[in-house]
Amino acid sequence: MKRYILTGAPGAGKTSILRQLQGQGFDIVDEAATAVITREQAEGDAEPWTQAAFVEKVVALQRRRQMQSAASDVTLQIYDRSPICTHALSTYLGRPVPETLSAEIDRITRERVYEQQVFFIRNIGFCRPTDARRISFQEALAFERIHEQSYRQFGYVLVDVPADDVATRVAMIADTISQLT
């Protein structure tokens, strides 16, 4: 199975792009961090990313989703973020990388779980805060740089998806995937 990662700065338009790709028939695996935040907020924790176990919860959900999707009969999937993004998140939060995350990165590297080409969605010049994304545009830019560094550190090749309208970005990604497969 071919698994491509789509990543980038918070608020860069990843979700809009992914929904359009899904509408074109691509199999999408949703972002784990947002799911963890939404679940924890529903349980009364307004800022779950401040909890020590937050990164481990994200890693556990990413692994569970990846393992469940491995049983699928589809031949190609697009992931909204990956454990490498969680590495960037841990770095951004100023926390040491937990052993569970290091082990997961070792596993995905050893097993070559994801394709080496990663679609890096560039920021669109602003970042709208949401309940799950309470980050300024300047903070999003810093997070974007950390993401780039993390992916390069682990040997991934970034496919730059510049700021543009959603349809153009979707077409670029779909075209690139068809050339790579």
Protein backbone atom coordinates (compact mmCIF):
# COMPACT_ATOMS: atom_id res chain seq x y z
CA MET A 1 0.00 0.00 0.00
CA LYS A 2 1.19 3.52 -0.76
CA ARG A 3 0.72 5.97 2.10
CA TYR A 4 1.34 9.65 1.47
CA ILE A 5 1.57 12.28 4.19
CA LEU A 6 0.05 15.73 3.85
CA THR A 7 1.41 18.23 6.37
CA GLY A 8 2.22 21.89 6.94
CA ALA A 9 1.55 24.83 9.18
CA PRO A 10 -1.60 24.98 11.26
CA GLY A 11 -4.29 26.80 9.28
CA ALA A 12 -2.59 26.23 5.91
CA GLY A 13 -5.67 24.62 4.36
CA LYS A 14 -4.87 20.93 4.81
CA THR A 15 -8.38 19.95 5.83
CA SER A 16 -9.98 21.71 2.84
CA ILE A 17 -7.51 20.03 0.50
CA LEU A 18 -8.05 16.62 2.10
CA ARG A 19 -11.85 16.87 1.86
CA GLN A 20 -11.61 17.66 -1.86
CA LEU A 21 -9.18 14.78 -2.40
CA GLN A 22 -11.60 12.53 -0.51
CA GLY A 23 -14.39 13.75 -2.79
CA GLN A 24 -12.26 12.62 -5.74
CA GLY A 25 -12.09 9.11 -4.30
CA PHE A 26 -8.83 9.19 -2.34
CA ASP A 27 -8.82 7.31 0.97
CA ILE A 28 -8.02 9.79 3.76
CA VAL A 29 -6.82 9.11 7.31
CA ASP A 30 -7.69 12.09 9.52
CA GLU A 31 -5.37 13.95 11.86
CA ALA A 32 -4.98 12.43 15.31
CA ALA A 33 -4.04 15.55 17.31
CA THR A 34 -7.29 17.32 16.46
CA ALA A 35 -9.27 14.21 17.39
CA VAL A 36 -7.47 13.97 20.74
CA ILE A 37 -8.05 17.67 21.42
CA THR A 38 -11.75 17.45 20.50
CA ARG A 39 -12.27 14.37 22.70
CA GLU A 40 -10.41 15.85 25.67
CA GLN A 41 -12.24 19.19 25.37
CA ALA A 42 -15.58 17.33 25.31
CA GLU A 43 -14.47 15.68 28.57
CA GLY A 44 -13.82 19.09 30.15
CA ASP A 45 -10.13 19.81 29.48
CA ALA A 46 -10.07 23.15 27.65
CA GLU A 47 -6.36 22.92 26.78
CA PRO A 48 -5.37 19.25 26.54
CA TRP A 49 -2.07 20.08 24.78
CA THR A 50 -0.81 21.38 28.13
CA GLN A 51 -1.06 17.90 29.69
CA ALA A 52 2.10 15.80 29.95
CA ALA A 53 0.47 12.78 28.27
CA PHE A 54 -0.88 14.71 25.25
CA VAL A 55 1.88 13.71 22.81
CA GLU A 56 1.61 10.05 23.86
CA LYS A 57 -2.16 10.11 23.25
CA VAL A 58 -1.60 11.52 19.77
CA VAL A 59 1.04 8.88 18.98
CA ALA A 60 -1.23 6.08 20.21
CA LEU A 61 -4.12 7.25 18.03
CA GLN A 62 -1.87 7.70 14.99
CA ARG A 63 -0.54 4.17 15.39
CA ARG A 64 -4.01 2.71 15.92
CA ARG A 65 -5.36 4.44 12.80
CA GLN A 66 -2.39 3.41 10.70
CA MET A 67 -2.63 -0.21 11.84
CA GLN A 68 -6.41 -0.31 11.23
CA SER A 69 -5.97 1.17 7.77
CA ALA A 70 -3.31 -1.43 6.97
CA ALA A 71 -6.08 -4.04 7.02
CA SER A 72 -7.95 -2.09 4.35
CA ASP A 73 -8.07 -3.28 0.76
CA VAL A 74 -7.27 0.16 -0.69
CA THR A 75 -3.94 0.58 -2.45
CA LEU A 76 -3.34 4.25 -1.68
CA GLN A 77 -4.02 6.46 1.34
CA ILE A 78 -3.34 10.07 2.25
CA TYR A 79 -2.61 10.81 5.90
CA ASP A 80 -3.37 14.13 7.55
CA ARG A 81 -0.08 14.33 9.43
CA SER A 82 2.12 11.53 10.79
CA PRO A 83 4.32 10.69 13.78
CA ILE A 84 6.96 13.00 12.28
CA CYS A 85 4.47 15.85 12.79
CA THR A 86 4.07 14.68 16.36
CA HIS A 87 7.85 14.94 16.71
CA ALA A 88 7.56 18.54 15.46
CA LEU A 89 4.73 19.13 17.94
CA SER A 90 6.79 17.81 20.85
CA THR A 91 9.67 20.07 19.80
CA TYR A 92 7.34 23.06 19.36
CA LEU A 93 5.87 22.49 22.83
CA GLY A 94 9.40 22.41 24.27
CA ARG A 95 9.00 18.88 25.58
CA PRO A 96 11.39 15.97 25.32
CA VAL A 97 10.43 13.42 22.70
CA PRO A 98 8.73 10.59 24.61
CA GLU A 99 9.95 7.02 24.19
CA THR A 100 6.61 6.01 22.67
CA LEU A 101 7.13 8.55 19.88
CA SER A 102 10.76 7.55 19.31
CA ALA A 103 9.68 3.91 19.07
CA GLU A 104 6.90 4.76 16.62
CA ILE A 105 9.27 6.77 14.42
CA ASP A 106 11.71 3.83 14.50
CA ARG A 107 8.87 1.48 13.47
CA ILE A 108 7.57 3.61 10.59
CA THR A 109 11.15 4.11 9.36
CA ARG A 110 12.10 0.45 9.62
CA GLU A 111 8.86 -0.75 8.02
CA ARG A 112 8.80 2.07 5.44
CA VAL A 113 5.19 2.74 6.34
CA TYR A 114 4.96 6.07 4.49
CA GLU A 115 6.22 7.14 1.10
CA GLN A 116 9.32 9.32 1.23
CA GLN A 117 7.59 12.15 -0.65
CA VAL A 118 5.60 14.31 1.78
CA PHE A 119 3.18 16.97 0.56
CA PHE A 120 4.09 20.11 2.48
CA ILE A 121 1.19 22.57 2.39
CA ARG A 122 2.52 26.11 2.65
CA ASN A 123 0.81 28.72 4.80
CA ILE A 124 -1.75 30.99 3.19
CA GLY A 125 -0.73 34.18 4.95
CA PHE A 126 -2.94 33.91 8.01
CA CYS A 127 -4.15 31.40 10.60
CA ARG A 128 -7.71 31.38 11.91
CA PRO A 129 -7.94 30.20 15.51
CA THR A 130 -10.42 27.45 16.37
CA ASP A 131 -11.23 25.65 19.62
CA ALA A 132 -8.60 23.06 18.73
CA ARG A 133 -6.13 25.48 17.13
CA ARG A 134 -5.29 28.40 19.40
CA ILE A 135 -2.21 29.64 17.64
CA SER A 136 -1.24 32.97 16.11
CA PHE A 137 0.01 33.29 12.56
CA GLN A 138 3.54 34.00 13.84
CA GLU A 139 3.38 30.85 15.98
CA ALA A 140 2.11 28.90 12.97
CA LEU A 141 5.12 30.08 10.95
CA ALA A 142 7.49 28.89 13.69
CA PHE A 143 5.66 25.54 13.77
CA GLU A 144 5.95 25.33 9.96
CA ARG A 145 9.77 25.68 10.20
CA ILE A 146 9.94 23.00 12.90
CA HIS A 147 7.86 20.66 10.72
CA GLU A 148 10.27 21.14 7.82
CA GLN A 149 13.25 20.43 10.07
CA SER A 150 11.65 17.29 11.52
CA TYR A 151 10.81 15.81 8.13
CA ARG A 152 14.26 16.55 6.76
CA GLN A 153 15.87 15.13 9.92
CA PHE A 154 14.17 11.80 9.24
CA GLY A 155 15.02 11.74 5.53
CA TYR A 156 11.72 12.64 3.92
CA VAL A 157 11.51 14.61 0.68
CA LEU A 158 9.18 17.61 0.84
CA VAL A 159 6.93 18.21 -2.15
CA ASP A 160 6.19 21.90 -1.85
CA VAL A 161 2.51 22.81 -2.29
CA PRO A 162 2.51 26.62 -2.49
CA ALA A 163 -0.26 28.91 -1.34
CA ASP A 164 -3.01 28.96 -3.96
CA ASP A 165 -6.70 28.22 -4.24
CA VAL A 166 -7.82 24.82 -3.00
CA ALA A 167 -8.65 23.42 -6.46
CA THR A 168 -5.18 24.23 -7.79
CA ARG A 169 -3.50 22.66 -4.77
CA VAL A 170 -5.67 19.55 -5.01
CA ALA A 171 -4.90 19.18 -8.72
CA MET A 172 -1.17 19.49 -8.05
CA ILE A 173 -1.27 16.80 -5.36
CA ALA A 174 -3.42 14.43 -7.44
CA ASP A 175 -1.16 14.92 -10.47
CA THR A 176 1.98 14.33 -8.43
CA ILE A 177 0.54 11.17 -6.88
CA SER A 178 -0.40 9.82 -10.32
CA GLN A 179 3.18 10.43 -11.49
CA LEU A 180 4.63 8.70 -8.42
CA THR A 181 2.43 5.59 -8.60
